[in-house]
Amino acid sequence: MPGGLVNGQWALLAARGFGRMFAGTWIEGDDHEEIARLLRADPAQGVSCGLDEAMREYEPYAFREVVWLGAHAPGWTQAITIAGPRLRTDLLAGRRYVQVVWDALGLGVHDLYYSDGVTADRLSPRHIAGPWPFREYTDGLLPHGPGLIDVSGTGPAQATGSLGLWLENWLVLAGRLSGRLMEEEYFQTGRRLYALPL
């Protein structure tokens, strides 16, 4: 893993139950209620809770959409999908963001969804070292590792080999861009749980 992060960002998320699906969106801005409104949530309906309580609602692929949203680092908010599909990033037009998606029953690691505040796009994990708006945050993150297999076998995808490298790359990049990597204390922070309209 890059930078010796074998038990890094993904290990923290997997230990909290995100093994089947994780969709995290790091969004520029400190006004969490404004961001909730952009996502079509009613800020008055948000329920304050920690991640353990939020995970009682964990339901990947559900026909409902629930996010745990709140402060990440100065100038940044994070929204973690607890139920349903990944957040619609088109609702965040004009803001910088990155979105990391892990889907064990699908592709495994998705392309990184991102916006530099002007242009929104997607980036393949194989092109992380190429020219793109957030290239300055990729130092030491490699698209391939020696002997790593690029595809998953049959059955659910596992965050190992190239899939594990790519997933950790995206999570580290999100932490560098926003100014904070996730750590144990991070998950003790209270945020608000919002139901979003489908």
Protein backbone atom coordinates (compact mmCIF):
# COMPACT_ATOMS: atom_id res chain seq x y z
CA MET A 1 0.00 0.00 0.00
CA PRO A 2 1.16 3.57 -0.61
CA GLY A 3 3.16 5.19 2.14
CA GLY A 4 3.01 2.10 4.35
CA LEU A 5 -0.77 2.41 4.78
CA VAL A 6 -1.50 -1.33 4.70
CA ASN A 7 -3.89 -0.85 7.63
CA GLY A 8 -4.89 2.65 6.63
CA GLN A 9 -8.06 4.45 5.67
CA TRP A 10 -9.94 1.48 4.23
CA ALA A 11 -9.21 -0.72 7.26
CA LEU A 12 -10.88 1.88 9.49
CA LEU A 13 -13.99 1.95 7.28
CA ALA A 14 -14.17 -1.83 6.80
CA ALA A 15 -13.96 -2.32 10.59
CA ARG A 16 -17.06 -0.15 10.91
CA GLY A 17 -19.12 -2.28 8.53
CA PHE A 18 -18.66 -0.66 5.11
CA GLY A 19 -17.35 -3.85 3.44
CA ARG A 20 -20.23 -4.23 0.98
CA MET A 21 -20.47 -0.60 -0.03
CA PHE A 22 -18.95 2.75 0.84
CA ALA A 23 -19.66 6.07 -0.82
CA GLY A 24 -18.00 9.05 0.79
CA THR A 25 -18.09 12.58 -0.57
CA TRP A 26 -15.69 15.27 0.65
CA ILE A 27 -17.30 18.64 -0.11
CA GLU A 28 -15.77 22.10 0.09
CA GLY A 29 -17.61 24.26 2.63
CA ASP A 30 -18.27 24.57 6.36
CA ASP A 31 -21.99 25.32 6.26
CA HIS A 32 -23.39 21.83 6.72
CA GLU A 33 -27.01 22.95 6.60
CA GLU A 34 -26.43 24.69 3.29
CA ILE A 35 -24.81 21.55 1.90
CA ALA A 36 -27.71 19.45 3.20
CA ARG A 37 -30.10 21.79 1.35
CA LEU A 38 -28.03 21.44 -1.84
CA LEU A 39 -28.51 17.68 -1.50
CA ARG A 40 -32.29 18.31 -1.23
CA ALA A 41 -32.48 17.45 2.48
CA ASP A 42 -34.44 19.43 5.04
CA PRO A 43 -31.85 20.56 7.64
CA ALA A 44 -34.58 20.65 10.30
CA GLN A 45 -35.14 16.90 9.80
CA GLY A 46 -31.51 15.88 10.41
CA VAL A 47 -30.94 13.61 13.43
CA SER A 48 -27.76 14.13 15.47
CA CYS A 49 -25.91 10.86 16.01
CA GLY A 50 -22.57 9.11 15.94
CA LEU A 51 -21.49 6.66 13.28
CA ASP A 52 -22.42 3.58 15.34
CA GLU A 53 -26.00 4.81 15.59
CA ALA A 54 -26.05 5.87 11.91
CA MET A 55 -24.90 2.38 10.88
CA ARG A 56 -28.13 0.91 12.26
CA GLU A 57 -29.61 2.34 9.03
CA TYR A 58 -26.88 0.81 6.81
CA GLU A 59 -28.56 -0.64 3.75
CA PRO A 60 -26.52 -0.71 0.54
CA TYR A 61 -28.59 -0.78 -2.66
CA ALA A 62 -31.72 0.35 -0.77
CA PHE A 63 -34.60 2.18 -2.44
CA ARG A 64 -34.04 5.06 -0.02
CA GLU A 65 -31.14 7.43 0.47
CA VAL A 66 -29.65 8.26 3.87
CA VAL A 67 -26.39 10.16 4.50
CA TRP A 68 -24.37 10.95 7.62
CA LEU A 69 -23.14 14.50 7.08
CA GLY A 70 -21.03 16.93 9.06
CA ALA A 71 -17.71 18.61 9.75
CA HIS A 72 -14.59 16.99 8.36
CA ALA A 73 -11.83 19.60 8.54
CA PRO A 74 -11.79 23.41 8.36
CA GLY A 75 -13.38 24.35 5.05
CA TRP A 76 -14.65 20.81 4.33
CA THR A 77 -17.75 18.72 4.99
CA GLN A 78 -18.03 14.99 4.51
CA ALA A 79 -21.17 13.07 3.58
CA ILE A 80 -21.08 9.28 3.98
CA THR A 81 -23.85 7.32 2.31
CA ILE A 82 -25.48 5.00 4.84
CA ALA A 83 -28.30 3.69 2.65
CA GLY A 84 -29.03 3.81 -1.05
CA PRO A 85 -26.94 4.98 -3.99
CA ARG A 86 -23.94 7.33 -3.98
CA LEU A 87 -24.74 11.04 -3.68
CA ARG A 88 -25.66 12.92 -6.82
CA THR A 89 -22.63 15.11 -7.41
CA ASP A 90 -24.40 17.27 -10.00
CA LEU A 91 -26.13 18.96 -7.05
CA LEU A 92 -22.73 20.27 -5.88
CA ALA A 93 -21.99 22.42 -8.94
CA GLY A 94 -19.52 25.21 -8.24
CA ARG A 95 -17.84 23.48 -5.29
CA ARG A 96 -14.72 21.41 -5.10
CA TYR A 97 -15.41 17.81 -4.09
CA VAL A 98 -14.15 14.26 -4.42
CA GLN A 99 -16.27 11.16 -4.13
CA VAL A 100 -14.88 7.71 -3.38
CA VAL A 101 -17.06 4.66 -4.07
CA TRP A 102 -16.42 1.03 -3.13
CA ASP A 103 -19.00 -1.53 -4.35
CA ALA A 104 -18.16 -5.14 -3.52
CA LEU A 105 -21.00 -6.49 -5.68
CA GLY A 106 -20.05 -4.34 -8.66
CA LEU A 107 -16.77 -2.92 -9.94
CA GLY A 108 -15.07 -2.83 -6.57
CA VAL A 109 -13.38 0.56 -6.85
CA HIS A 110 -15.15 3.16 -8.99
CA ASP A 111 -13.47 5.98 -10.84
CA LEU A 112 -12.98 9.02 -8.61
CA TYR A 113 -15.78 11.55 -9.12
CA TYR A 114 -14.40 15.05 -8.64
CA SER A 115 -14.80 18.75 -9.30
CA ASP A 116 -12.25 21.54 -9.06
CA GLY A 117 -15.12 24.01 -8.61
CA VAL A 118 -15.41 24.66 -12.33
CA THR A 119 -15.26 21.32 -14.11
CA ALA A 120 -16.67 18.01 -12.90
CA ASP A 121 -15.22 14.75 -14.21
CA ARG A 122 -14.19 11.20 -13.35
CA LEU A 123 -10.70 9.75 -13.11
CA SER A 124 -9.69 6.12 -13.51
CA PRO A 125 -7.46 4.84 -10.72
CA ARG A 126 -4.98 3.85 -13.44
CA HIS A 127 -4.53 7.55 -14.31
CA ILE A 128 -3.95 8.95 -10.82
CA ALA A 129 -0.38 10.00 -11.69
CA GLY A 130 -1.38 11.78 -14.91
CA PRO A 131 -2.31 15.44 -15.40
CA TRP A 132 -5.59 16.40 -13.71
CA PRO A 133 -6.70 19.19 -11.33
CA PHE A 134 -5.75 17.47 -8.05
CA ARG A 135 -2.46 15.97 -9.24
CA GLU A 136 -0.54 17.88 -6.52
CA TYR A 137 -2.13 15.63 -3.86
CA THR A 138 -0.98 12.35 -5.44
CA ASP A 139 2.69 12.32 -4.41
CA GLY A 140 3.67 8.72 -3.67
CA LEU A 141 0.32 7.27 -4.79
CA LEU A 142 0.94 4.77 -7.57
CA PRO A 143 -1.49 3.38 -10.15
CA HIS A 144 0.11 -0.08 -10.00
CA GLY A 145 2.17 -2.12 -7.60
CA PRO A 146 4.57 -4.96 -8.37
CA GLY A 147 2.76 -8.27 -8.70
CA LEU A 148 -0.71 -6.89 -7.97
CA ILE A 149 -3.63 -8.37 -9.90
CA ASP A 150 -5.74 -5.75 -11.69
CA VAL A 151 -9.05 -7.60 -11.69
CA SER A 152 -11.18 -9.31 -9.08
CA GLY A 153 -12.03 -13.00 -9.30
CA THR A 154 -15.53 -14.44 -9.06
CA GLY A 155 -17.81 -13.44 -6.22
CA PRO A 156 -17.80 -10.17 -4.29
CA ALA A 157 -14.83 -7.90 -4.89
CA GLN A 158 -12.18 -7.77 -2.18
CA ALA A 159 -10.12 -4.67 -1.38
CA THR A 160 -6.86 -6.49 -2.06
CA GLY A 161 -4.28 -6.35 -4.84
CA SER A 162 -4.81 -3.47 -7.24
CA LEU A 163 -8.36 -2.90 -5.98
CA GLY A 164 -7.01 -2.36 -2.47
CA LEU A 165 -4.24 -0.08 -3.74
CA TRP A 166 -6.67 2.02 -5.78
CA LEU A 167 -9.21 2.31 -2.95
CA GLU A 168 -6.55 3.37 -0.45
CA ASN A 169 -5.17 5.85 -3.01
CA TRP A 170 -8.58 7.52 -3.36
CA LEU A 171 -9.11 7.70 0.41
CA VAL A 172 -5.65 9.12 1.05
CA LEU A 173 -6.09 11.65 -1.76
CA ALA A 174 -9.44 12.77 -0.25
CA GLY A 175 -7.74 13.20 3.11
CA ARG A 176 -4.89 15.21 1.65
CA LEU A 177 -7.18 17.47 -0.35
CA SER A 178 -9.47 18.16 2.60
CA GLY A 179 -6.65 18.42 5.12
CA ARG A 180 -7.62 15.47 7.31
CA LEU A 181 -7.21 11.73 7.11
CA MET A 182 -9.70 9.62 9.03
CA GLU A 183 -8.58 8.16 12.35
CA GLU A 184 -10.22 6.49 15.37
CA GLU A 185 -11.23 9.81 16.96
CA TYR A 186 -12.78 10.90 13.68
CA PHE A 187 -15.57 8.34 13.99
CA GLN A 188 -16.54 9.53 17.47
CA THR A 189 -17.63 12.89 16.04
CA GLY A 190 -21.35 13.56 16.07
CA ARG A 191 -22.94 14.48 12.77
CA ARG A 192 -26.44 14.58 11.39
CA LEU A 193 -28.26 11.80 9.62
CA TYR A 194 -30.41 12.96 6.71
CA ALA A 195 -32.95 11.17 4.53
CA LEU A 196 -32.67 12.49 0.98
CA PRO A 197 -35.46 12.37 -1.59
CA LEU A 198 -34.86 9.87 -4.38
